[in-house]
Amino acid sequence: METIPTHNLLRKAVLIIAVIGAIASLVFVFYAGQNNKSIILRLLFIGWVLSPFAALLAANVSKRAMNNRSMLYWLTIVAAVVLPVIYSGILSPPGAKLTSYFLFVPLIMWIAIAAFILVASKLR
C-alpha cells in the first residue's frame, strides 16, 4: 500500500508538535517541583506527566492500519497544546496549588485516550 506524501508530512508535524508539548510539560514539572528534595517523587511525577505523551507518540509512530488516524492527530495536537497551558498555571486562580494539576490532568488525558480507542474500534 502506497502512502500519500502529505500524510507523511502531517504525521511528522504531529510528532514534532507532540515532542514539543512533552518537553514543555516537562519544563513545568521541573519548575513546580524545584523545591521538592525527593528524587523518587520527582521521577514519579515526570513519568506520570509524560505517560500520555508517550502513549500518543507510540500510537502515531505505529505502522498499524487505523481508520481514524486524523482523529488521533487531532487528539495529539490538542494534548500537546492544552496540557502545557494547564501545567503552566496561566488558567488557574492566583494561589492555586499546581501539584493537583500534575496529578489529575494526566488521568483525564488517559481517559480521553481510552475513549479514543473505544470510538476508533467501533468505527472500524
PDB file of N, CA and C in Angstrom:
ATOM      1  N   MET A   1       0.843  -1.182   0.000  1.00  0.00           N
ATOM      2  CA  MET A   1       0.000   0.000   0.000  1.00  0.00           C
ATOM      3  C   MET A   1       0.887   1.243   0.000  1.00  0.00           C
ATOM      4  N   GLU A   2       0.631   2.123  -0.910  1.00  0.00           N
ATOM      5  CA  GLU A   2       1.422   3.325  -1.054  1.00  0.00           C
ATOM      6  C   GLU A   2       0.888   4.423  -0.141  1.00  0.00           C
ATOM      7  N   THR A   3       1.777   5.161   0.512  1.00  0.00           N
ATOM      8  CA  THR A   3       1.337   6.243   1.390  1.00  0.00           C
ATOM      9  C   THR A   3       1.361   7.560   0.631  1.00  0.00           C
ATOM     10  N   ILE A   4       0.515   8.430   1.034  1.00  0.00           N
ATOM     11  CA  ILE A   4       0.408   9.746   0.416  1.00  0.00           C
ATOM     12  C   ILE A   4       1.459  10.664   1.055  1.00  0.00           C
ATOM     13  N   PRO A   5       2.248  11.408   0.274  1.00  0.00           N
ATOM     14  CA  PRO A   5       3.286  12.268   0.834  1.00  0.00           C
ATOM     15  C   PRO A   5       2.756  13.282   1.842  1.00  0.00           C
ATOM     16  N   THR A   6       1.577  13.856   1.616  1.00  0.00           N
ATOM     17  CA  THR A   6       1.041  14.833   2.567  1.00  0.00           C
ATOM     18  C   THR A   6       0.711  14.167   3.896  1.00  0.00           C
ATOM     19  N   HIS A   7       0.306  12.898   3.843  1.00  0.00           N
ATOM     20  CA  HIS A   7       0.028  12.165   5.077  1.00  0.00           C
ATOM     21  C   HIS A   7       1.309  12.015   5.896  1.00  0.00           C
ATOM     22  N   ASN A   8       2.423  11.704   5.224  1.00  0.00           N
ATOM     23  CA  ASN A   8       3.707  11.576   5.917  1.00  0.00           C
ATOM     24  C   ASN A   8       4.157  12.900   6.496  1.00  0.00           C
ATOM     25  N   LEU A   9       3.944  13.988   5.764  1.00  0.00           N
ATOM     26  CA  LEU A   9       4.304  15.313   6.250  1.00  0.00           C
ATOM     27  C   LEU A   9       3.466  15.679   7.473  1.00  0.00           C
ATOM     28  N   LEU A  10       2.173  15.412   7.407  1.00  0.00           N
ATOM     29  CA  LEU A  10       1.286  15.687   8.535  1.00  0.00           C
ATOM     30  C   LEU A  10       1.685  14.859   9.743  1.00  0.00           C
ATOM     31  N   ARG A  11       2.009  13.611   9.509  1.00  0.00           N
ATOM     32  CA  ARG A  11       2.423  12.720  10.599  1.00  0.00           C
ATOM     33  C   ARG A  11       3.685  13.257  11.277  1.00  0.00           C
ATOM     34  N   LYS A  12       4.657  13.683  10.491  1.00  0.00           N
ATOM     35  CA  LYS A  12       5.895  14.237  11.055  1.00  0.00           C
ATOM     36  C   LYS A  12       5.623  15.517  11.832  1.00  0.00           C
ATOM     37  N   ALA A  13       4.746  16.363  11.315  1.00  0.00           N
ATOM     38  CA  ALA A  13       4.401  17.603  12.011  1.00  0.00           C
ATOM     39  C   ALA A  13       3.738  17.304  13.358  1.00  0.00           C
ATOM     40  N   VAL A  14       2.840  16.342  13.373  1.00  0.00           N
ATOM     41  CA  VAL A  14       2.160  15.968  14.615  1.00  0.00           C
ATOM     42  C   VAL A  14       3.163  15.420  15.626  1.00  0.00           C
ATOM     43  N   LEU A  15       4.109  14.613  15.158  1.00  0.00           N
ATOM     44  CA  LEU A  15       5.130  14.072  16.053  1.00  0.00           C
ATOM     45  C   LEU A  15       5.985  15.187  16.655  1.00  0.00           C
ATOM     46  N   ILE A  16       6.354  16.155  15.843  1.00  0.00           N
ATOM     47  CA  ILE A  16       7.154  17.284  16.334  1.00  0.00           C
ATOM     48  C   ILE A  16       6.361  18.087  17.352  1.00  0.00           C
ATOM     49  N   ILE A  17       5.103  18.351  17.067  1.00  0.00           N
ATOM     50  CA  ILE A  17       4.241  19.092  17.998  1.00  0.00           C
ATOM     51  C   ILE A  17       4.112  18.334  19.313  1.00  0.00           C
ATOM     52  N   ALA A  18       3.955  17.018  19.251  1.00  0.00           N
ATOM     53  CA  ALA A  18       3.823  16.206  20.465  1.00  0.00           C
ATOM     54  C   ALA A  18       5.098  16.247  21.302  1.00  0.00           C
ATOM     55  N   VAL A  19       6.247  16.168  20.648  1.00  0.00           N
ATOM     56  CA  VAL A  19       7.516  16.214  21.384  1.00  0.00           C
ATOM     57  C   VAL A  19       7.699  17.580  22.035  1.00  0.00           C
ATOM     58  N   ILE A  20       7.348  18.638  21.336  1.00  0.00           N
ATOM     59  CA  ILE A  20       7.443  19.984  21.913  1.00  0.00           C
ATOM     60  C   ILE A  20       6.497  20.112  23.109  1.00  0.00           C
ATOM     61  N   GLY A  21       5.275  19.584  22.998  1.00  0.00           N
ATOM     62  CA  GLY A  21       4.335  19.612  24.112  1.00  0.00           C
ATOM     63  C   GLY A  21       4.841  18.831  25.306  1.00  0.00           C
ATOM     64  N   ALA A  22       5.467  17.677  25.049  1.00  0.00           N
ATOM     65  CA  ALA A  22       6.027  16.868  26.133  1.00  0.00           C
ATOM     66  C   ALA A  22       7.180  17.598  26.820  1.00  0.00           C
ATOM     67  N   ILE A  23       8.038  18.227  26.041  1.00  0.00           N
ATOM     68  CA  ILE A  23       9.164  18.972  26.614  1.00  0.00           C
ATOM     69  C   ILE A  23       8.654  20.152  27.429  1.00  0.00           C
ATOM     70  N   ALA A  24       7.670  20.867  26.912  1.00  0.00           N
ATOM     71  CA  ALA A  24       7.100  22.000  27.652  1.00  0.00           C
ATOM     72  C   ALA A  24       6.480  21.516  28.962  1.00  0.00           C
ATOM     73  N   SER A  25       5.773  20.396  28.919  1.00  0.00           N
ATOM     74  CA  SER A  25       5.185  19.842  30.138  1.00  0.00           C
ATOM     75  C   SER A  25       6.270  19.468  31.135  1.00  0.00           C
ATOM     76  N   LEU A  26       7.350  18.895  30.631  1.00  0.00           N
ATOM     77  CA  LEU A  26       8.467  18.513  31.485  1.00  0.00           C
ATOM     78  C   LEU A  26       9.094  19.730  32.159  1.00  0.00           C
ATOM     79  N   VAL A  27       9.212  20.816  31.424  1.00  0.00           N
ATOM     80  CA  VAL A  27       9.751  22.055  31.997  1.00  0.00           C
ATOM     81  C   VAL A  27       8.870  22.523  33.157  1.00  0.00           C
ATOM     82  N   PHE A  28       7.549  22.468  32.984  1.00  0.00           N
ATOM     83  CA  PHE A  28       6.655  22.899  34.051  1.00  0.00           C
ATOM     84  C   PHE A  28       6.696  21.958  35.248  1.00  0.00           C
ATOM     85  N   VAL A  29       6.925  20.664  35.010  1.00  0.00           N
ATOM     86  CA  VAL A  29       7.087  19.719  36.128  1.00  0.00           C
ATOM     87  C   VAL A  29       8.336  20.081  36.924  1.00  0.00           C
ATOM     88  N   PHE A  30       9.432  20.352  36.230  1.00  0.00           N
ATOM     89  CA  PHE A  30      10.668  20.735  36.914  1.00  0.00           C
ATOM     90  C   PHE A  30      10.482  22.038  37.691  1.00  0.00           C
ATOM     91  N   TYR A  31       9.795  22.984  37.082  1.00  0.00           N
ATOM     92  CA  TYR A  31       9.569  24.272  37.751  1.00  0.00           C
ATOM     93  C   TYR A  31       8.705  24.097  38.997  1.00  0.00           C
ATOM     94  N   ALA A  32       7.633  23.329  38.878  1.00  0.00           N
ATOM     95  CA  ALA A  32       6.729  23.139  40.021  1.00  0.00           C
ATOM     96  C   ALA A  32       7.397  22.333  41.128  1.00  0.00           C
ATOM     97  N   GLY A  33       8.312  21.442  40.770  1.00  0.00           N
ATOM     98  CA  GLY A  33       8.946  20.603  41.779  1.00  0.00           C
ATOM     99  C   GLY A  33      10.331  21.051  42.184  1.00  0.00           C
ATOM    100  N   GLN A  34      10.664  22.279  41.900  1.00  0.00           N
ATOM    101  CA  GLN A  34      12.022  22.747  42.191  1.00  0.00           C
ATOM    102  C   GLN A  34      12.363  22.753  43.679  1.00  0.00           C
ATOM    103  N   ASN A  35      11.374  22.877  44.545  1.00  0.00           N
ATOM    104  CA  ASN A  35      11.636  22.880  45.979  1.00  0.00           C
ATOM    105  C   ASN A  35      11.515  21.499  46.598  1.00  0.00           C
ATOM    106  N   ASN A  36      11.143  20.520  45.803  1.00  0.00           N
ATOM    107  CA  ASN A  36      10.985  19.163  46.305  1.00  0.00           C
ATOM    108  C   ASN A  36      12.341  18.465  46.280  1.00  0.00           C
ATOM    109  N   LYS A  37      12.735  17.907  47.402  1.00  0.00           N
ATOM    110  CA  LYS A  37      14.054  17.263  47.507  1.00  0.00           C
ATOM    111  C   LYS A  37      14.004  15.774  47.168  1.00  0.00           C
ATOM    112  N   SER A  38      12.820  15.186  47.089  1.00  0.00           N
ATOM    113  CA  SER A  38      12.696  13.750  46.844  1.00  0.00           C
ATOM    114  C   SER A  38      12.874  13.437  45.361  1.00  0.00           C
ATOM    115  N   ILE A  39      13.926  12.719  45.052  1.00  0.00           N
ATOM    116  CA  ILE A  39      14.193  12.340  43.667  1.00  0.00           C
ATOM    117  C   ILE A  39      13.139  11.340  43.183  1.00  0.00           C
ATOM    118  N   ILE A  40      12.746  10.438  44.060  1.00  0.00           N
ATOM    119  CA  ILE A  40      11.743   9.437  43.683  1.00  0.00           C
ATOM    120  C   ILE A  40      10.422  10.112  43.322  1.00  0.00           C
ATOM    121  N   LEU A  41       9.991  11.066  44.116  1.00  0.00           N
ATOM    122  CA  LEU A  41       8.743  11.773  43.832  1.00  0.00           C
ATOM    123  C   LEU A  41       8.838  12.550  42.523  1.00  0.00           C
ATOM    124  N   ARG A  42       9.969  13.165  42.283  1.00  0.00           N
ATOM    125  CA  ARG A  42      10.176  13.876  41.013  1.00  0.00           C
ATOM    126  C   ARG A  42      10.070  12.915  39.834  1.00  0.00           C
ATOM    127  N   LEU A  43      10.728  11.760  39.948  1.00  0.00           N
ATOM    128  CA  LEU A  43      10.688  10.779  38.868  1.00  0.00           C
ATOM    129  C   LEU A  43       9.277  10.252  38.636  1.00  0.00           C
ATOM    130  N   LEU A  44       8.524  10.051  39.712  1.00  0.00           N
ATOM    131  CA  LEU A  44       7.141   9.598  39.565  1.00  0.00           C
ATOM    132  C   LEU A  44       6.286  10.642  38.844  1.00  0.00           C
ATOM    133  N   PHE A  45       6.450  11.903  39.229  1.00  0.00           N
ATOM    134  CA  PHE A  45       5.703  12.969  38.554  1.00  0.00           C
ATOM    135  C   PHE A  45       6.107  13.075  37.088  1.00  0.00           C
ATOM    136  N   ILE A  46       7.395  12.986  36.810  1.00  0.00           N
ATOM    137  CA  ILE A  46       7.862  13.060  35.424  1.00  0.00           C
ATOM    138  C   ILE A  46       7.257  11.932  34.600  1.00  0.00           C
ATOM    139  N   GLY A  47       7.313  10.728  35.127  1.00  0.00           N
ATOM    140  CA  GLY A  47       6.746   9.583  34.415  1.00  0.00           C
ATOM    141  C   GLY A  47       5.252   9.714  34.201  1.00  0.00           C
ATOM    142  N   TRP A  48       4.545  10.186  35.219  1.00  0.00           N
ATOM    143  CA  TRP A  48       3.092  10.314  35.134  1.00  0.00           C
ATOM    144  C   TRP A  48       2.690  11.390  34.131  1.00  0.00           C
ATOM    145  N   VAL A  49       3.367  12.511  34.153  1.00  0.00           N
ATOM    146  CA  VAL A  49       3.032  13.617  33.248  1.00  0.00           C
ATOM    147  C   VAL A  49       3.394  13.271  31.801  1.00  0.00           C
ATOM    148  N   LEU A  50       4.485  12.551  31.604  1.00  0.00           N
ATOM    149  CA  LEU A  50       4.907  12.214  30.241  1.00  0.00           C
ATOM    150  C   LEU A  50       4.204  10.979  29.683  1.00  0.00           C
ATOM    151  N   SER A  51       3.550  10.194  30.528  1.00  0.00           N
ATOM    152  CA  SER A  51       2.939   8.946  30.055  1.00  0.00           C
ATOM    153  C   SER A  51       1.876   9.144  28.961  1.00  0.00           C
ATOM    154  N   PRO A  52       0.984  10.140  29.046  1.00  0.00           N
ATOM    155  CA  PRO A  52       0.043  10.315  27.931  1.00  0.00           C
ATOM    156  C   PRO A  52       0.754  10.684  26.624  1.00  0.00           C
ATOM    157  N   PHE A  53       1.804  11.478  26.717  1.00  0.00           N
ATOM    158  CA  PHE A  53       2.550  11.835  25.511  1.00  0.00           C
ATOM    159  C   PHE A  53       3.227  10.603  24.920  1.00  0.00           C
ATOM    160  N   ALA A  54       3.769   9.743  25.788  1.00  0.00           N
ATOM    161  CA  ALA A  54       4.411   8.517  25.310  1.00  0.00           C
ATOM    162  C   ALA A  54       3.396   7.632  24.592  1.00  0.00           C
ATOM    163  N   ALA A  55       2.202   7.518  25.145  1.00  0.00           N
ATOM    164  CA  ALA A  55       1.162   6.697  24.513  1.00  0.00           C
ATOM    165  C   ALA A  55       0.746   7.281  23.165  1.00  0.00           C
ATOM    166  N   LEU A  56       0.560   8.590  23.116  1.00  0.00           N
ATOM    167  CA  LEU A  56       0.158   9.231  21.860  1.00  0.00           C
ATOM    168  C   LEU A  56       1.267   9.137  20.812  1.00  0.00           C
ATOM    169  N   LEU A  57       2.511   9.319  21.242  1.00  0.00           N
ATOM    170  CA  LEU A  57       3.620   9.188  20.298  1.00  0.00           C
ATOM    171  C   LEU A  57       3.715   7.762  19.776  1.00  0.00           C
ATOM    172  N   ALA A  58       3.542   6.788  20.651  1.00  0.00           N
ATOM    173  CA  ALA A  58       3.588   5.391  20.218  1.00  0.00           C
ATOM    174  C   ALA A  58       2.474   5.095  19.219  1.00  0.00           C
ATOM    175  N   ALA A  59       1.299   5.625  19.477  1.00  0.00           N
ATOM    176  CA  ALA A  59       0.175   5.405  18.550  1.00  0.00           C
ATOM    177  C   ALA A  59       0.431   6.079  17.208  1.00  0.00           C
ATOM    178  N   ASN A  60       1.037   7.256  17.235  1.00  0.00           N
ATOM    179  CA  ASN A  60       1.323   7.971  15.990  1.00  0.00           C
ATOM    180  C   ASN A  60       2.443   7.322  15.195  1.00  0.00           C
ATOM    181  N   VAL A  61       3.399   6.726  15.864  1.00  0.00           N
ATOM    182  CA  VAL A  61       4.522   6.083  15.194  1.00  0.00           C
ATOM    183  C   VAL A  61       4.130   4.709  14.658  1.00  0.00           C
ATOM    184  N   SER A  62       3.121   4.121  15.245  1.00  0.00           N
ATOM    185  CA  SER A  62       2.686   2.778  14.870  1.00  0.00           C
ATOM    186  C   SER A  62       2.345   2.703  13.386  1.00  0.00           C
ATOM    187  N   LYS A  63       2.781   1.629  12.768  1.00  0.00           N
ATOM    188  CA  LYS A  63       2.501   1.407  11.350  1.00  0.00           C
ATOM    189  C   LYS A  63       1.175   0.671  11.150  1.00  0.00           C
ATOM    190  N   ARG A  64       0.537   0.313  12.238  1.00  0.00           N
ATOM    191  CA  ARG A  64      -0.720  -0.427  12.169  1.00  0.00           C
ATOM    192  C   ARG A  64      -1.783   0.413  11.467  1.00  0.00           C
ATOM    193  N   ALA A  65      -2.561  -0.222  10.635  1.00  0.00           N
ATOM    194  CA  ALA A  65      -3.610   0.488   9.902  1.00  0.00           C
ATOM    195  C   ALA A  65      -4.652   1.019  10.876  1.00  0.00           C
ATOM    196  N   MET A  66      -5.053   2.251  10.665  1.00  0.00           N
ATOM    197  CA  MET A  66      -6.041   2.867  11.535  1.00  0.00           C
ATOM    198  C   MET A  66      -6.962   3.723  10.677  1.00  0.00           C
ATOM    199  N   ASN A  67      -8.249   3.502  10.808  1.00  0.00           N
ATOM    200  CA  ASN A  67      -9.220   4.270  10.023  1.00  0.00           C
ATOM    201  C   ASN A  67      -9.305   5.719  10.467  1.00  0.00           C
ATOM    202  N   ASN A  68      -9.069   5.962  11.725  1.00  0.00           N
ATOM    203  CA  ASN A  68      -9.272   7.305  12.284  1.00  0.00           C
ATOM    204  C   ASN A  68      -7.960   7.972  12.659  1.00  0.00           C
ATOM    205  N   ARG A  69      -6.988   7.887  11.783  1.00  0.00           N
ATOM    206  CA  ARG A  69      -5.693   8.489  12.093  1.00  0.00           C
ATOM    207  C   ARG A  69      -5.816  10.005  12.245  1.00  0.00           C
ATOM    208  N   SER A  70      -6.712  10.634  11.499  1.00  0.00           N
ATOM    209  CA  SER A  70      -6.880  12.090  11.639  1.00  0.00           C
ATOM    210  C   SER A  70      -7.418  12.432  13.026  1.00  0.00           C
ATOM    211  N   MET A  71      -8.276  11.575  13.568  1.00  0.00           N
ATOM    212  CA  MET A  71      -8.773  11.788  14.928  1.00  0.00           C
ATOM    213  C   MET A  71      -7.625  11.684  15.944  1.00  0.00           C
ATOM    214  N   LEU A  72      -6.710  10.739  15.710  1.00  0.00           N
ATOM    215  CA  LEU A  72      -5.536  10.588  16.572  1.00  0.00           C
ATOM    216  C   LEU A  72      -4.639  11.813  16.456  1.00  0.00           C
ATOM    217  N   TYR A  73      -4.477  12.332  15.247  1.00  0.00           N
ATOM    218  CA  TYR A  73      -3.669  13.539  15.061  1.00  0.00           C
ATOM    219  C   TYR A  73      -4.251  14.709  15.850  1.00  0.00           C
ATOM    220  N   TRP A  74      -5.566  14.887  15.768  1.00  0.00           N
ATOM    221  CA  TRP A  74      -6.196  15.990  16.496  1.00  0.00           C
ATOM    222  C   TRP A  74      -6.060  15.816  18.005  1.00  0.00           C
ATOM    223  N   LEU A  75      -6.248  14.606  18.493  1.00  0.00           N
ATOM    224  CA  LEU A  75      -6.091  14.342  19.930  1.00  0.00           C
ATOM    225  C   LEU A  75      -4.666  14.666  20.365  1.00  0.00           C
ATOM    226  N   THR A  76      -3.698  14.298  19.567  1.00  0.00           N
ATOM    227  CA  THR A  76      -2.297  14.566  19.894  1.00  0.00           C
ATOM    228  C   THR A  76      -2.005  16.061  19.890  1.00  0.00           C
ATOM    229  N   ILE A  77      -2.499  16.764  18.892  1.00  0.00           N
ATOM    230  CA  ILE A  77      -2.263  18.214  18.815  1.00  0.00           C
ATOM    231  C   ILE A  77      -2.924  18.938  19.979  1.00  0.00           C
ATOM    232  N   VAL A  78      -4.164  18.577  20.276  1.00  0.00           N
ATOM    233  CA  VAL A  78      -4.869  19.213  21.398  1.00  0.00           C
ATOM    234  C   VAL A  78      -4.122  18.950  22.705  1.00  0.00           C
ATOM    235  N   ALA A  79      -3.680  17.715  22.910  1.00  0.00           N
ATOM    236  CA  ALA A  79      -2.940  17.386  24.136  1.00  0.00           C
ATOM    237  C   ALA A  79      -1.639  18.170  24.211  1.00  0.00           C
ATOM    238  N   ALA A  80      -0.926  18.272  23.089  1.00  0.00           N
ATOM    239  CA  ALA A  80       0.362  18.958  23.074  1.00  0.00           C
ATOM    240  C   ALA A  80       0.238  20.456  23.323  1.00  0.00           C
ATOM    241  N   VAL A  81      -0.909  21.015  23.004  1.00  0.00           N
ATOM    242  CA  VAL A  81      -1.114  22.451  23.219  1.00  0.00           C
ATOM    243  C   VAL A  81      -1.770  22.726  24.580  1.00  0.00           C
ATOM    244  N   VAL A  82      -2.802  21.972  24.897  1.00  0.00           N
ATOM    245  CA  VAL A  82      -3.602  22.254  26.094  1.00  0.00           C
ATOM    246  C   VAL A  82      -2.887  21.834  27.381  1.00  0.00           C
ATOM    247  N   LEU A  83      -2.253  20.679  27.396  1.00  0.00           N
ATOM    248  CA  LEU A  83      -1.635  20.208  28.631  1.00  0.00           C
ATOM    249  C   LEU A  83      -0.552  21.155  29.154  1.00  0.00           C
ATOM    250  N   PRO A  84       0.396  21.606  28.328  1.00  0.00           N
ATOM    251  CA  PRO A  84       1.369  22.570  28.856  1.00  0.00           C
ATOM    252  C   PRO A  84       0.733  23.882  29.334  1.00  0.00           C
ATOM    253  N   VAL A  85      -0.337  24.305  28.669  1.00  0.00           N
ATOM    254  CA  VAL A  85      -1.024  25.526  29.126  1.00  0.00           C
ATOM    255  C   VAL A  85      -1.607  25.310  30.523  1.00  0.00           C
ATOM    256  N   ILE A  86      -2.211  24.158  30.739  1.00  0.00           N
ATOM    257  CA  ILE A  86      -2.764  23.854  32.058  1.00  0.00           C
ATOM    258  C   ILE A  86      -1.647  23.771  33.095  1.00  0.00           C
ATOM    259  N   TYR A  87      -0.564  23.067  32.746  1.00  0.00           N
ATOM    260  CA  TYR A  87       0.553  22.915  33.684  1.00  0.00           C
ATOM    261  C   TYR A  87       1.237  24.240  33.998  1.00  0.00           C
ATOM    262  N   SER A  88       1.166  25.190  33.087  1.00  0.00           N
ATOM    263  CA  SER A  88       1.821  26.478  33.315  1.00  0.00           C
ATOM    264  C   SER A  88       1.149  27.271  34.424  1.00  0.00           C
ATOM    265  N   GLY A  89      -0.129  27.009  34.665  1.00  0.00           N
ATOM    266  CA  GLY A  89      -0.853  27.736  35.710  1.00  0.00           C
ATOM    267  C   GLY A  89      -1.463  29.034  35.234  1.00  0.00           C
ATOM    268  N   ILE A  90      -1.374  29.315  33.956  1.00  0.00           N
ATOM    269  CA  ILE A  90      -1.927  30.557  33.411  1.00  0.00           C
ATOM    270  C   ILE A  90      -3.432  30.639  33.647  1.00  0.00           C
ATOM    271  N   LEU A  91      -4.111  29.507  33.534  1.00  0.00           N
ATOM    272  CA  LEU A  91      -5.562  29.480  33.661  1.00  0.00           C
ATOM    273  C   LEU A  91      -6.047  29.271  35.093  1.00  0.00           C
ATOM    274  N   SER A  92      -5.121  29.035  36.007  1.00  0.00           N
ATOM    275  CA  SER A  92      -5.529  28.755  37.388  1.00  0.00           C
ATOM    276  C   SER A  92      -5.682  30.050  38.183  1.00  0.00           C
ATOM    277  N   PRO A  93      -6.537  29.999  39.207  1.00  0.00           N
ATOM    278  CA  PRO A  93      -6.693  31.190  40.048  1.00  0.00           C
ATOM    279  C   PRO A  93      -5.415  31.453  40.849  1.00  0.00           C
ATOM    280  N   PRO A  94      -5.187  32.694  41.211  1.00  0.00           N
ATOM    281  CA  PRO A  94      -3.978  33.013  41.982  1.00  0.00           C
ATOM    282  C   PRO A  94      -3.939  32.222  43.293  1.00  0.00           C
ATOM    283  N   GLY A  95      -2.775  31.718  43.607  1.00  0.00           N
ATOM    284  CA  GLY A  95      -2.594  30.979  44.847  1.00  0.00           C
ATOM    285  C   GLY A  95      -2.983  29.512  44.778  1.00  0.00           C
ATOM    286  N   ALA A  96      -3.427  29.042  43.621  1.00  0.00           N
ATOM    287  CA  ALA A  96      -3.829  27.638  43.482  1.00  0.00           C
ATOM    288  C   ALA A  96      -2.594  26.746  43.493  1.00  0.00           C
ATOM    289  N   LYS A  97      -2.747  25.551  44.044  1.00  0.00           N
ATOM    290  CA  LYS A  97      -1.651  24.579  44.073  1.00  0.00           C
ATOM    291  C   LYS A  97      -1.609  23.845  42.733  1.00  0.00           C
ATOM    292  N   LEU A  98      -0.507  23.965  42.038  1.00  0.00           N
ATOM    293  CA  LEU A  98      -0.365  23.347  40.723  1.00  0.00           C
ATOM    294  C   LEU A  98      -0.154  21.837  40.803  1.00  0.00           C
ATOM    295  N   THR A  99       0.249  21.337  41.959  1.00  0.00           N
ATOM    296  CA  THR A  99       0.526  19.903  42.060  1.00  0.00           C
ATOM    297  C   THR A  99      -0.706  19.063  41.730  1.00  0.00           C
ATOM    298  N   SER A 100      -1.884  19.569  42.072  1.00  0.00           N
ATOM    299  CA  SER A 100      -3.093  18.802  41.753  1.00  0.00           C
ATOM    300  C   SER A 100      -3.288  18.687  40.239  1.00  0.00           C
ATOM    301  N   TYR A 101      -2.861  19.680  39.488  1.00  0.00           N
ATOM    302  CA  TYR A 101      -2.956  19.606  38.036  1.00  0.00           C
ATOM    303  C   TYR A 101      -2.070  18.490  37.492  1.00  0.00           C
ATOM    304  N   PHE A 102      -0.873  18.362  38.073  1.00  0.00           N
ATOM    305  CA  PHE A 102       0.052  17.333  37.616  1.00  0.00           C
ATOM    306  C   PHE A 102      -0.431  15.926  37.967  1.00  0.00           C
ATOM    307  N   LEU A 103      -1.340  15.839  38.913  1.00  0.00           N
ATOM    308  CA  LEU A 103      -1.918  14.538  39.261  1.00  0.00           C
ATOM    309  C   LEU A 103      -3.133  14.200  38.402  1.00  0.00           C
ATOM    310  N   PHE A 104      -4.040  15.159  38.249  1.00  0.00           N
ATOM    311  CA  PHE A 104      -5.332  14.864  37.622  1.00  0.00           C
ATOM    312  C   PHE A 104      -5.361  15.030  36.101  1.00  0.00           C
ATOM    313  N   VAL A 105      -4.585  15.931  35.562  1.00  0.00           N
ATOM    314  CA  VAL A 105      -4.604  16.159  34.114  1.00  0.00           C
ATOM    315  C   VAL A 105      -4.139  14.923  33.333  1.00  0.00           C
ATOM    316  N   PRO A 106      -3.050  14.258  33.742  1.00  0.00           N
ATOM    317  CA  PRO A 106      -2.699  13.030  33.017  1.00  0.00           C
ATOM    318  C   PRO A 106      -3.782  11.955  33.130  1.00  0.00           C
ATOM    319  N   LEU A 107      -4.432  11.871  34.274  1.00  0.00           N
ATOM    320  CA  LEU A 107      -5.532  10.906  34.426  1.00  0.00           C
ATOM    321  C   LEU A 107      -6.657  11.213  33.442  1.00  0.00           C
ATOM    322  N   ILE A 108      -7.019  12.463  33.331  1.00  0.00           N
ATOM    323  CA  ILE A 108      -8.067  12.874  32.393  1.00  0.00           C
ATOM    324  C   ILE A 108      -7.620  12.596  30.958  1.00  0.00           C
ATOM    325  N   MET A 109      -6.350  12.808  30.682  1.00  0.00           N
ATOM    326  CA  MET A 109      -5.832  12.536  29.338  1.00  0.00           C
ATOM    327  C   MET A 109      -5.882  11.049  29.040  1.00  0.00           C
ATOM    328  N   TRP A 110      -5.576  10.206  30.016  1.00  0.00           N
ATOM    329  CA  TRP A 110      -5.665   8.758  29.813  1.00  0.00           C
ATOM    330  C   TRP A 110      -7.109   8.339  29.554  1.00  0.00           C
ATOM    331  N   ILE A 111      -8.044   8.979  30.213  1.00  0.00           N
ATOM    332  CA  ILE A 111      -9.463   8.692  29.957  1.00  0.00           C
ATOM    333  C   ILE A 111      -9.819   9.097  28.526  1.00  0.00           C
ATOM    334  N   ALA A 112      -9.302  10.238  28.073  1.00  0.00           N
ATOM    335  CA  ALA A 112      -9.550  10.674  26.693  1.00  0.00           C
ATOM    336  C   ALA A 112      -8.928   9.699  25.691  1.00  0.00           C
ATOM    337  N   ILE A 113      -7.742   9.196  25.986  1.00  0.00           N
ATOM    338  CA  ILE A 113      -7.098   8.228  25.098  1.00  0.00           C
ATOM    339  C   ILE A 113      -7.920   6.941  25.054  1.00  0.00           C
ATOM    340  N   ALA A 114      -8.399   6.493  26.215  1.00  0.00           N
ATOM    341  CA  ALA A 114      -9.237   5.289  26.262  1.00  0.00           C
ATOM    342  C   ALA A 114     -10.529   5.491  25.474  1.00  0.00           C
ATOM    343  N   ALA A 115     -11.118   6.690  25.592  1.00  0.00           N
ATOM    344  CA  ALA A 115     -12.340   6.996  24.830  1.00  0.00           C
ATOM    345  C   ALA A 115     -12.045   6.984  23.338  1.00  0.00           C
ATOM    346  N   PHE A 116     -10.894   7.517  22.944  1.00  0.00           N
ATOM    347  CA  PHE A 116     -10.498   7.494  21.535  1.00  0.00           C
ATOM    348  C   PHE A 116     -10.381   6.061  21.034  1.00  0.00           C
ATOM    349  N   ILE A 117      -9.727   5.208  21.821  1.00  0.00           N
ATOM    350  CA  ILE A 117      -9.555   3.805  21.419  1.00  0.00           C
ATOM    351  C   ILE A 117     -10.919   3.142  21.268  1.00  0.00           C
ATOM    352  N   LEU A 118     -11.810   3.420  22.191  1.00  0.00           N
ATOM    353  CA  LEU A 118     -13.151   2.835  22.138  1.00  0.00           C
ATOM    354  C   LEU A 118     -13.897   3.298  20.889  1.00  0.00           C
ATOM    355  N   VAL A 119     -13.871   4.585  20.622  1.00  0.00           N
ATOM    356  CA  VAL A 119     -14.553   5.140  19.448  1.00  0.00           C
ATOM    357  C   VAL A 119     -13.902   4.616  18.164  1.00  0.00           C
ATOM    358  N   ALA A 120     -12.580   4.593  18.131  1.00  0.00           N
ATOM    359  CA  ALA A 120     -11.881   4.128  16.924  1.00  0.00           C
ATOM    360  C   ALA A 120     -12.176   2.668  16.646  1.00  0.00           C
ATOM    361  N   SER A 121     -12.313   1.867  17.696  1.00  0.00           N
ATOM    362  CA  SER A 121     -12.600   0.450  17.488  1.00  0.00           C
ATOM    363  C   SER A 121     -14.051   0.237  17.017  1.00  0.00           C
ATOM    364  N   LYS A 122     -14.957   1.107  17.410  1.00  0.00           N
ATOM    365  CA  LYS A 122     -16.354   0.999  16.988  1.00  0.00           C
ATOM    366  C   LYS A 122     -16.555   1.450  15.550  1.00  0.00           C
ATOM    367  N   LEU A 123     -15.691   2.332  15.062  1.00  0.00           N
ATOM    368  CA  LEU A 123     -15.843   2.883  13.711  1.00  0.00           C
ATOM    369  C   LEU A 123     -15.147   2.045  12.642  1.00  0.00           C
ATOM    370  N   ARG A 124     -14.580   0.935  12.991  1.00  0.00           N
ATOM    371  CA  ARG A 124     -13.895   0.081  12.011  1.00  0.00           C
ATOM    372  C   ARG A 124     -14.825  -0.520  11.064  1.00  0.00           C
TER     373      ARG A 124
END
